[in-house]
Amino acid sequence: MDSTDLNDRPDQLFGLAMPMVEVFGLKGETIGEDRARVRMPRNRAHSNSRGEVHGGALAVLLDCALACAARSHAPTSFGVVTVDMTLHFVAPSDGDVIATTFCERRGRSLCFVRGEARSESGELLSLATGTFKLVERKSP
């Protein structure tokens, strides 16, 4: 699914409003078929002391992107709660970062998701796995 219909405001990520999304400038690119792709544009405010993207910023990106894959079957019907997340930092980056994530298994309430973050040139920056609890959203 193209994200244009689900990212109307700067604080939205695939149909859900989250202030963190606006703070980090996250941009939802695609969602559907148990997958999600989210971009974090380079922002100097997300840098470590060496001028590279801080590991904490990568963690925010991957947490949000993994959560999107968990709810990719019904993006606006469910929120998620992170139960567990493991990150492996592989290489530094000083540009935009793109997270690609995949839901391996979705049970009644828990989802098991994996993903990676890469530079625009395709260099692997970090790997992640996570467990997420689905939370059905109430209709407004």
N, C-alpha and C. Protein backbone atom coordinates (compact mmCIF):
# COMPACT_ATOMS: atom_id res chain seq x y z
N MET A 1 0.84 -1.17 0.00
CA MET A 1 0.00 0.00 0.00
C MET A 1 0.89 1.24 0.00
N ASP A 2 0.59 2.19 -0.83
CA ASP A 2 1.32 3.45 -0.86
C ASP A 2 0.94 4.22 0.40
N SER A 3 1.90 4.91 0.96
CA SER A 3 1.66 5.57 2.24
C SER A 3 1.02 6.94 2.12
N THR A 4 0.85 7.48 0.92
CA THR A 4 0.38 8.85 0.79
C THR A 4 -0.96 9.09 1.47
N ASP A 5 -1.85 8.12 1.46
CA ASP A 5 -3.15 8.30 2.10
C ASP A 5 -3.09 8.17 3.61
N LEU A 6 -2.01 7.62 4.14
CA LEU A 6 -1.92 7.35 5.57
C LEU A 6 -0.92 8.24 6.29
N ASN A 7 -0.34 9.20 5.60
CA ASN A 7 0.66 10.10 6.19
C ASN A 7 0.30 11.55 5.90
N ASP A 8 -0.94 11.93 6.21
CA ASP A 8 -1.40 13.27 5.89
C ASP A 8 -0.74 14.37 6.71
N ARG A 9 -0.32 14.06 7.91
CA ARG A 9 0.28 15.07 8.79
C ARG A 9 1.70 14.65 9.14
N PRO A 10 2.55 15.62 9.54
CA PRO A 10 3.94 15.28 9.87
C PRO A 10 4.10 14.38 11.09
N ASP A 11 3.05 14.28 11.93
CA ASP A 11 3.15 13.41 13.11
C ASP A 11 2.51 12.05 12.86
N GLN A 12 2.15 11.74 11.62
CA GLN A 12 1.50 10.47 11.31
C GLN A 12 2.47 9.49 10.67
N LEU A 13 2.31 8.24 11.04
CA LEU A 13 3.06 7.15 10.42
C LEU A 13 2.06 6.07 10.08
N PHE A 14 1.73 5.97 8.81
CA PHE A 14 0.75 5.00 8.32
C PHE A 14 -0.56 5.08 9.08
N GLY A 15 -1.10 6.30 9.21
CA GLY A 15 -2.42 6.50 9.76
C GLY A 15 -2.53 6.74 11.25
N LEU A 16 -1.45 6.59 11.99
CA LEU A 16 -1.50 6.83 13.43
C LEU A 16 -0.67 8.04 13.80
N ALA A 17 -1.26 8.92 14.61
CA ALA A 17 -0.55 10.12 15.06
C ALA A 17 0.38 9.75 16.21
N MET A 18 1.66 10.13 16.07
CA MET A 18 2.67 9.88 17.10
C MET A 18 3.62 11.07 17.11
N PRO A 19 3.67 11.85 18.19
CA PRO A 19 4.58 13.00 18.24
C PRO A 19 6.03 12.62 17.95
N MET A 20 6.47 11.43 18.36
CA MET A 20 7.84 10.99 18.13
C MET A 20 8.18 10.97 16.64
N VAL A 21 7.21 10.64 15.82
CA VAL A 21 7.41 10.59 14.37
C VAL A 21 7.79 11.96 13.84
N GLU A 22 7.10 12.99 14.33
CA GLU A 22 7.40 14.35 13.89
C GLU A 22 8.77 14.80 14.40
N VAL A 23 9.09 14.50 15.65
CA VAL A 23 10.38 14.90 16.22
C VAL A 23 11.54 14.32 15.43
N PHE A 24 11.42 13.05 15.02
CA PHE A 24 12.51 12.40 14.29
C PHE A 24 12.35 12.50 12.78
N GLY A 25 11.26 13.11 12.31
CA GLY A 25 11.06 13.31 10.88
C GLY A 25 10.83 12.03 10.11
N LEU A 26 10.30 10.99 10.76
CA LEU A 26 10.12 9.71 10.10
C LEU A 26 9.08 9.81 8.99
N LYS A 27 9.37 9.15 7.88
CA LYS A 27 8.49 9.16 6.71
C LYS A 27 8.13 7.73 6.33
N GLY A 28 6.86 7.40 6.42
CA GLY A 28 6.42 6.08 5.99
C GLY A 28 6.41 6.02 4.48
N GLU A 29 7.08 5.02 3.93
CA GLU A 29 7.15 4.89 2.47
C GLU A 29 6.20 3.82 1.94
N THR A 30 6.21 2.63 2.51
CA THR A 30 5.29 1.57 2.08
C THR A 30 4.89 0.72 3.28
N ILE A 31 3.69 0.16 3.19
CA ILE A 31 3.20 -0.76 4.21
C ILE A 31 2.24 -1.75 3.56
N GLY A 32 2.25 -2.98 4.02
CA GLY A 32 1.33 -4.00 3.51
C GLY A 32 2.03 -5.33 3.34
N GLU A 33 1.22 -6.40 3.29
CA GLU A 33 1.74 -7.76 3.11
C GLU A 33 2.83 -8.09 4.13
N ASP A 34 2.57 -7.70 5.38
CA ASP A 34 3.47 -7.98 6.51
C ASP A 34 4.79 -7.22 6.45
N ARG A 35 4.86 -6.17 5.64
CA ARG A 35 6.10 -5.41 5.47
C ARG A 35 5.86 -3.92 5.69
N ALA A 36 6.94 -3.24 6.07
CA ALA A 36 6.90 -1.78 6.15
C ALA A 36 8.28 -1.23 5.81
N ARG A 37 8.27 -0.03 5.26
CA ARG A 37 9.53 0.66 4.93
C ARG A 37 9.37 2.10 5.42
N VAL A 38 10.31 2.52 6.27
CA VAL A 38 10.26 3.85 6.89
C VAL A 38 11.61 4.51 6.74
N ARG A 39 11.61 5.79 6.38
CA ARG A 39 12.84 6.56 6.18
C ARG A 39 13.00 7.58 7.31
N MET A 40 14.24 7.75 7.76
CA MET A 40 14.59 8.81 8.70
C MET A 40 15.58 9.73 7.99
N PRO A 41 15.11 10.92 7.55
CA PRO A 41 16.02 11.86 6.90
C PRO A 41 17.11 12.31 7.87
N ARG A 42 18.28 12.56 7.33
CA ARG A 42 19.42 13.02 8.13
C ARG A 42 19.07 14.33 8.81
N ASN A 43 19.36 14.39 10.10
CA ASN A 43 19.12 15.58 10.89
C ASN A 43 20.29 15.71 11.87
N ARG A 44 20.97 16.82 11.84
CA ARG A 44 22.14 17.03 12.70
C ARG A 44 21.80 16.82 14.18
N ALA A 45 20.57 17.10 14.57
CA ALA A 45 20.15 16.93 15.96
C ALA A 45 20.16 15.47 16.41
N HIS A 46 20.23 14.54 15.47
CA HIS A 46 20.24 13.10 15.80
C HIS A 46 21.66 12.54 15.78
N SER A 47 22.65 13.41 15.86
CA SER A 47 24.06 12.98 15.74
C SER A 47 24.69 12.65 17.09
N ASN A 48 25.70 11.79 17.03
CA ASN A 48 26.53 11.53 18.20
C ASN A 48 27.72 12.49 18.17
N SER A 49 28.68 12.32 19.05
CA SER A 49 29.82 13.25 19.14
C SER A 49 30.73 13.19 17.92
N ARG A 50 30.62 12.15 17.11
CA ARG A 50 31.43 12.03 15.89
C ARG A 50 30.71 12.56 14.66
N GLY A 51 29.48 13.04 14.84
CA GLY A 51 28.71 13.56 13.72
C GLY A 51 27.96 12.49 12.94
N GLU A 52 27.94 11.27 13.46
CA GLU A 52 27.22 10.17 12.81
C GLU A 52 25.83 10.05 13.43
N VAL A 53 24.94 9.32 12.77
CA VAL A 53 23.61 9.09 13.32
C VAL A 53 23.76 8.33 14.65
N HIS A 54 23.18 8.87 15.69
CA HIS A 54 23.25 8.28 17.03
C HIS A 54 22.51 6.94 17.06
N GLY A 55 23.04 5.98 17.81
CA GLY A 55 22.40 4.68 17.95
C GLY A 55 20.99 4.77 18.49
N GLY A 56 20.74 5.75 19.35
CA GLY A 56 19.39 5.94 19.88
C GLY A 56 18.40 6.35 18.81
N ALA A 57 18.86 7.15 17.85
CA ALA A 57 17.99 7.54 16.73
C ALA A 57 17.69 6.32 15.86
N LEU A 58 18.69 5.47 15.64
CA LEU A 58 18.45 4.23 14.89
C LEU A 58 17.45 3.35 15.63
N ALA A 59 17.54 3.32 16.96
CA ALA A 59 16.60 2.52 17.75
C ALA A 59 15.18 3.04 17.60
N VAL A 60 15.00 4.35 17.60
CA VAL A 60 13.67 4.94 17.40
C VAL A 60 13.13 4.54 16.04
N LEU A 61 13.95 4.71 15.00
CA LEU A 61 13.53 4.35 13.64
C LEU A 61 13.10 2.88 13.57
N LEU A 62 13.95 1.99 14.08
CA LEU A 62 13.64 0.56 13.98
C LEU A 62 12.44 0.17 14.84
N ASP A 63 12.30 0.74 16.02
CA ASP A 63 11.14 0.45 16.86
C ASP A 63 9.85 0.82 16.12
N CYS A 64 9.83 2.01 15.54
CA CYS A 64 8.64 2.46 14.81
C CYS A 64 8.39 1.62 13.56
N ALA A 65 9.44 1.30 12.82
CA ALA A 65 9.29 0.52 11.59
C ALA A 65 8.87 -0.92 11.87
N LEU A 66 9.46 -1.53 12.91
CA LEU A 66 9.04 -2.88 13.29
C LEU A 66 7.57 -2.88 13.70
N ALA A 67 7.17 -1.88 14.46
CA ALA A 67 5.77 -1.77 14.89
C ALA A 67 4.84 -1.64 13.69
N CYS A 68 5.27 -0.91 12.67
CA CYS A 68 4.45 -0.76 11.46
C CYS A 68 4.25 -2.10 10.76
N ALA A 69 5.30 -2.90 10.67
CA ALA A 69 5.16 -4.22 10.05
C ALA A 69 4.21 -5.09 10.87
N ALA A 70 4.24 -4.95 12.19
CA ALA A 70 3.36 -5.73 13.05
C ALA A 70 1.89 -5.41 12.77
N ARG A 71 1.58 -4.15 12.47
CA ARG A 71 0.20 -3.75 12.21
C ARG A 71 -0.11 -3.57 10.72
N SER A 72 0.76 -4.08 9.86
CA SER A 72 0.63 -3.86 8.41
C SER A 72 -0.62 -4.50 7.81
N HIS A 73 -1.20 -5.47 8.49
CA HIS A 73 -2.42 -6.12 7.98
C HIS A 73 -3.64 -5.21 8.10
N ALA A 74 -3.61 -4.24 9.01
CA ALA A 74 -4.71 -3.30 9.22
C ALA A 74 -4.12 -2.05 9.88
N PRO A 75 -3.40 -1.22 9.11
CA PRO A 75 -2.59 -0.13 9.67
C PRO A 75 -3.30 0.84 10.60
N THR A 76 -4.57 1.14 10.33
CA THR A 76 -5.25 2.12 11.18
C THR A 76 -6.14 1.47 12.23
N SER A 77 -6.26 0.16 12.22
CA SER A 77 -7.12 -0.54 13.18
C SER A 77 -6.40 -0.94 14.46
N PHE A 78 -5.07 -0.99 14.39
CA PHE A 78 -4.29 -1.45 15.54
C PHE A 78 -3.15 -0.50 15.86
N GLY A 79 -2.92 -0.33 17.16
CA GLY A 79 -1.67 0.22 17.64
C GLY A 79 -0.87 -0.96 18.15
N VAL A 80 0.34 -0.72 18.59
CA VAL A 80 1.15 -1.81 19.14
C VAL A 80 1.92 -1.32 20.35
N VAL A 81 2.30 -2.26 21.19
CA VAL A 81 3.16 -1.99 22.33
C VAL A 81 4.40 -2.85 22.16
N THR A 82 5.57 -2.24 22.29
CA THR A 82 6.81 -3.00 22.18
C THR A 82 6.99 -3.84 23.44
N VAL A 83 7.09 -5.15 23.26
CA VAL A 83 7.31 -6.07 24.37
C VAL A 83 8.81 -6.30 24.54
N ASP A 84 9.50 -6.46 23.42
CA ASP A 84 10.93 -6.78 23.43
C ASP A 84 11.53 -6.32 22.11
N MET A 85 12.76 -5.81 22.17
CA MET A 85 13.46 -5.44 20.94
C MET A 85 14.95 -5.63 21.14
N THR A 86 15.59 -6.25 20.16
CA THR A 86 17.03 -6.45 20.19
C THR A 86 17.63 -5.78 18.96
N LEU A 87 18.69 -5.01 19.18
CA LEU A 87 19.37 -4.32 18.08
C LEU A 87 20.82 -4.75 18.01
N HIS A 88 21.32 -4.82 16.80
CA HIS A 88 22.74 -5.06 16.55
C HIS A 88 23.21 -3.94 15.63
N PHE A 89 24.13 -3.13 16.13
CA PHE A 89 24.67 -2.03 15.34
C PHE A 89 25.87 -2.54 14.55
N VAL A 90 25.84 -2.35 13.24
CA VAL A 90 26.82 -2.93 12.34
C VAL A 90 27.80 -1.89 11.80
N ALA A 91 27.29 -0.71 11.42
CA ALA A 91 28.15 0.31 10.80
C ALA A 91 27.57 1.69 11.08
N PRO A 92 28.42 2.73 11.07
CA PRO A 92 27.94 4.10 11.27
C PRO A 92 27.34 4.66 9.98
N SER A 93 26.59 5.75 10.13
CA SER A 93 25.99 6.42 8.98
C SER A 93 25.99 7.92 9.21
N ASP A 94 26.06 8.67 8.13
CA ASP A 94 25.95 10.12 8.25
C ASP A 94 24.94 10.67 7.25
N GLY A 95 24.03 9.83 6.78
CA GLY A 95 23.00 10.27 5.83
C GLY A 95 21.63 9.74 6.22
N ASP A 96 20.69 9.80 5.27
CA ASP A 96 19.36 9.24 5.51
C ASP A 96 19.49 7.75 5.83
N VAL A 97 18.56 7.26 6.63
CA VAL A 97 18.54 5.84 6.98
C VAL A 97 17.16 5.28 6.61
N ILE A 98 17.16 4.11 5.98
CA ILE A 98 15.92 3.47 5.57
C ILE A 98 15.77 2.14 6.29
N ALA A 99 14.65 1.98 7.00
CA ALA A 99 14.37 0.72 7.70
C ALA A 99 13.37 -0.08 6.88
N THR A 100 13.69 -1.35 6.69
CA THR A 100 12.79 -2.29 6.02
C THR A 100 12.50 -3.41 7.01
N THR A 101 11.22 -3.68 7.25
CA THR A 101 10.85 -4.63 8.29
C THR A 101 9.82 -5.64 7.78
N PHE A 102 9.77 -6.80 8.45
CA PHE A 102 8.89 -7.89 8.03
C PHE A 102 8.32 -8.60 9.26
N CYS A 103 7.02 -8.80 9.27
CA CYS A 103 6.36 -9.54 10.35
C CYS A 103 6.45 -11.03 10.04
N GLU A 104 7.23 -11.74 10.82
CA GLU A 104 7.43 -13.18 10.62
C GLU A 104 6.21 -13.99 11.04
N ARG A 105 5.58 -13.58 12.13
CA ARG A 105 4.42 -14.31 12.63
C ARG A 105 3.53 -13.36 13.42
N ARG A 106 2.23 -13.46 13.15
CA ARG A 106 1.26 -12.65 13.86
C ARG A 106 0.27 -13.59 14.52
N GLY A 107 0.26 -13.60 15.84
CA GLY A 107 -0.70 -14.41 16.57
C GLY A 107 -1.93 -13.58 16.91
N ARG A 108 -2.72 -14.05 17.88
CA ARG A 108 -3.92 -13.29 18.27
C ARG A 108 -3.56 -11.94 18.85
N SER A 109 -2.47 -11.91 19.62
CA SER A 109 -2.10 -10.63 20.23
C SER A 109 -0.62 -10.28 20.09
N LEU A 110 0.24 -11.26 19.81
CA LEU A 110 1.67 -10.98 19.69
C LEU A 110 2.16 -11.15 18.26
N CYS A 111 3.09 -10.28 17.88
CA CYS A 111 3.71 -10.34 16.55
C CYS A 111 5.22 -10.41 16.72
N PHE A 112 5.84 -11.21 15.88
CA PHE A 112 7.30 -11.36 15.89
C PHE A 112 7.83 -10.77 14.59
N VAL A 113 8.70 -9.77 14.73
CA VAL A 113 9.10 -8.95 13.58
C VAL A 113 10.62 -8.86 13.52
N ARG A 114 11.14 -8.78 12.29
CA ARG A 114 12.58 -8.57 12.09
C ARG A 114 12.75 -7.44 11.09
N GLY A 115 13.93 -6.83 11.12
CA GLY A 115 14.17 -5.75 10.17
C GLY A 115 15.63 -5.34 10.14
N GLU A 116 15.89 -4.40 9.26
CA GLU A 116 17.24 -3.88 9.11
C GLU A 116 17.16 -2.41 8.73
N ALA A 117 18.23 -1.70 9.04
CA ALA A 117 18.37 -0.31 8.63
C ALA A 117 19.58 -0.23 7.71
N ARG A 118 19.40 0.48 6.61
CA ARG A 118 20.47 0.63 5.62
C ARG A 118 20.62 2.10 5.23
N SER A 119 21.81 2.42 4.76
CA SER A 119 22.06 3.76 4.22
C SER A 119 21.40 3.84 2.85
N GLU A 120 21.34 5.04 2.29
CA GLU A 120 20.77 5.19 0.95
C GLU A 120 21.55 4.40 -0.10
N SER A 121 22.84 4.20 0.14
CA SER A 121 23.65 3.43 -0.80
C SER A 121 23.50 1.92 -0.60
N GLY A 122 22.73 1.52 0.42
CA GLY A 122 22.48 0.10 0.65
C GLY A 122 23.36 -0.55 1.70
N GLU A 123 24.24 0.21 2.34
CA GLU A 123 25.11 -0.37 3.36
C GLU A 123 24.29 -0.74 4.60
N LEU A 124 24.50 -1.96 5.10
CA LEU A 124 23.81 -2.41 6.31
C LEU A 124 24.33 -1.64 7.52
N LEU A 125 23.41 -1.03 8.27
CA LEU A 125 23.77 -0.24 9.45
C LEU A 125 23.40 -0.95 10.74
N SER A 126 22.24 -1.59 10.77
CA SER A 126 21.81 -2.30 11.98
C SER A 126 20.76 -3.34 11.65
N LEU A 127 20.69 -4.34 12.53
CA LEU A 127 19.70 -5.41 12.44
C LEU A 127 18.84 -5.36 13.69
N ALA A 128 17.57 -5.76 13.57
CA ALA A 128 16.68 -5.71 14.72
C ALA A 128 15.67 -6.84 14.68
N THR A 129 15.29 -7.30 15.86
CA THR A 129 14.14 -8.20 16.01
C THR A 129 13.30 -7.65 17.15
N GLY A 130 12.02 -7.93 17.10
CA GLY A 130 11.16 -7.44 18.16
C GLY A 130 9.88 -8.24 18.30
N THR A 131 9.31 -8.16 19.48
CA THR A 131 8.01 -8.75 19.77
C THR A 131 7.08 -7.59 20.12
N PHE A 132 5.90 -7.59 19.51
CA PHE A 132 4.96 -6.48 19.68
C PHE A 132 3.58 -7.02 20.01
N LYS A 133 2.90 -6.34 20.94
CA LYS A 133 1.53 -6.70 21.31
C LYS A 133 0.58 -5.81 20.52
N LEU A 134 -0.35 -6.43 19.81
CA LEU A 134 -1.37 -5.69 19.07
C LEU A 134 -2.40 -5.12 20.04
N VAL A 135 -2.78 -3.87 19.83
CA VAL A 135 -3.80 -3.22 20.65
C VAL A 135 -4.84 -2.66 19.69
N GLU A 136 -6.05 -3.23 19.74
CA GLU A 136 -7.10 -2.76 18.83
C GLU A 136 -7.49 -1.34 19.19
N ARG A 137 -7.60 -0.50 18.17
CA ARG A 137 -7.96 0.90 18.38
C ARG A 137 -9.48 1.02 18.34
N LYS A 138 -10.00 1.87 19.21
CA LYS A 138 -11.43 2.11 19.22
C LYS A 138 -11.78 3.11 18.13
N SER A 139 -12.90 2.91 17.48
CA SER A 139 -13.35 3.85 16.44
C SER A 139 -13.68 5.18 17.09
N PRO A 140 -13.34 6.29 16.40
CA PRO A 140 -13.63 7.63 16.98
C PRO A 140 -15.10 7.93 17.05
